[in-house]
Amino acid sequence: METLVQTLAVVATMANAVVYGTDVFSAIVQRPALAHVDDAVLTSTMGQIHRFGDRRMPVPGVFGLLATVATAVAAGFGGRVTAAAAHDLTVRQLHHGHRGPPP
């Protein structure tokens, strides 16, 4: 059971790292670079980025969430209550942090 929990935790971490890595890249590189282009280029570029990102980014996001839930369940069944509780908090944070902007 220990190997299963560790494997699921690594998978969850890697899948969620894809999502957060994309966010960090956008904040550190993309945003400052696009601050120096005109409105037409900005609109076209962001449109293309969202066209591809909206299709591809849900895959690692959902995969990371499911792997995190599976890690919590496996840890709970394996008697690792602290690990299960930590993963439960992570799942709650992921769900809360990715709901989108408030209405």
Protein backbone atom coordinates (compact mmCIF):
# COMPACT_ATOMS: atom_id res chain seq x y z
CA MET A 1 0.00 0.00 0.00
CA GLU A 2 2.92 2.32 0.77
CA THR A 3 4.24 2.03 -2.80
CA LEU A 4 0.80 2.78 -4.23
CA VAL A 5 0.42 5.90 -2.07
CA GLN A 6 3.88 7.15 -3.02
CA THR A 7 3.33 6.48 -6.73
CA LEU A 8 -0.03 8.25 -6.73
CA ALA A 9 1.47 11.18 -4.83
CA VAL A 10 4.25 11.54 -7.42
CA VAL A 11 1.73 11.37 -10.30
CA ALA A 12 -0.48 13.98 -8.59
CA THR A 13 2.49 16.26 -7.96
CA MET A 14 3.73 16.04 -11.54
CA ALA A 15 0.30 16.63 -13.09
CA ASN A 16 -0.38 19.61 -10.85
CA ALA A 17 3.13 20.93 -11.55
CA VAL A 18 2.18 21.21 -15.23
CA VAL A 19 -0.72 23.51 -14.34
CA TYR A 20 1.23 25.64 -11.87
CA GLY A 21 4.30 25.73 -14.13
CA THR A 22 2.17 27.15 -16.91
CA ASP A 23 0.84 29.80 -14.54
CA VAL A 24 4.37 30.73 -13.42
CA PHE A 25 5.61 30.94 -17.01
CA SER A 26 2.71 33.20 -17.91
CA ALA A 27 3.36 35.47 -14.93
CA ILE A 28 7.13 35.68 -15.29
CA VAL A 29 7.67 35.60 -19.06
CA GLN A 30 4.48 35.98 -21.07
CA ARG A 31 2.88 38.91 -19.25
CA PRO A 32 5.93 41.22 -19.34
CA ALA A 33 6.67 40.30 -22.97
CA LEU A 34 3.12 41.03 -24.09
CA ALA A 35 3.11 44.35 -22.26
CA HIS A 36 5.26 45.72 -25.09
CA VAL A 37 3.02 44.86 -28.04
CA ASP A 38 0.10 46.76 -29.52
CA ASP A 39 -3.53 45.84 -28.94
CA ALA A 40 -4.01 43.94 -32.20
CA VAL A 41 -0.99 41.70 -31.57
CA LEU A 42 -2.00 41.21 -27.92
CA THR A 43 -5.53 40.20 -28.87
CA SER A 44 -4.38 37.83 -31.61
CA THR A 45 -1.67 36.25 -29.46
CA MET A 46 -3.87 35.73 -26.41
CA GLY A 47 -6.65 34.38 -28.62
CA GLN A 48 -4.30 31.74 -30.03
CA ILE A 49 -2.90 30.89 -26.59
CA HIS A 50 -6.40 30.37 -25.21
CA ARG A 51 -7.49 28.43 -28.29
CA PHE A 52 -4.85 25.81 -27.61
CA GLY A 53 -4.72 26.09 -23.82
CA ASP A 54 -8.46 25.69 -23.34
CA ARG A 55 -8.29 22.38 -25.20
CA ARG A 56 -5.14 20.97 -23.63
CA MET A 57 -4.86 22.28 -20.07
CA PRO A 58 -7.95 20.53 -18.64
CA VAL A 59 -6.23 17.16 -19.16
CA PRO A 60 -3.36 17.65 -16.66
CA GLY A 61 -5.67 19.58 -14.33
CA VAL A 62 -8.27 16.82 -14.12
CA PHE A 63 -5.56 14.13 -14.04
CA GLY A 64 -3.83 15.91 -11.13
CA LEU A 65 -7.07 16.30 -9.21
CA LEU A 66 -8.03 12.65 -9.69
CA ALA A 67 -4.55 11.45 -8.73
CA THR A 68 -4.66 13.64 -5.62
CA VAL A 69 -8.04 12.20 -4.60
CA ALA A 70 -6.79 8.66 -5.28
CA THR A 71 -3.71 9.37 -3.12
CA ALA A 72 -5.92 10.52 -0.24
CA VAL A 73 -8.16 7.47 -0.52
CA ALA A 74 -5.22 5.04 -0.71
CA ALA A 75 -3.50 6.75 2.22
CA GLY A 76 -6.71 6.56 4.26
CA PHE A 77 -7.17 2.86 3.53
CA GLY A 78 -3.52 2.29 4.34
CA GLY A 79 -3.98 3.76 7.81
CA ARG A 80 -2.07 6.96 7.09
CA VAL A 81 -4.61 9.39 8.48
CA THR A 82 -2.26 12.39 8.49
CA ALA A 83 -1.36 11.89 4.83
CA ALA A 84 -5.02 11.42 3.90
CA ALA A 85 -5.97 14.61 5.74
CA ALA A 86 -3.16 16.55 4.03
CA HIS A 87 -4.32 15.36 0.63
CA ASP A 88 -7.91 16.22 1.51
CA LEU A 89 -6.80 19.78 2.24
CA THR A 90 -4.91 19.87 -1.06
CA VAL A 91 -7.98 18.75 -2.98
CA ARG A 92 -10.08 21.41 -1.27
CA GLN A 93 -7.47 24.07 -2.13
CA LEU A 94 -7.27 22.92 -5.75
CA HIS A 95 -11.04 23.02 -6.07
CA HIS A 96 -11.31 26.42 -4.39
CA GLY A 97 -8.39 27.94 -6.29
CA HIS A 98 -9.56 26.92 -9.76
CA ARG A 99 -13.23 27.81 -9.69
CA GLY A 100 -12.62 30.90 -11.76
CA PRO A 101 -13.35 34.52 -11.06
CA PRO A 102 -16.26 35.44 -8.82
CA PRO A 103 -19.49 36.39 -10.62
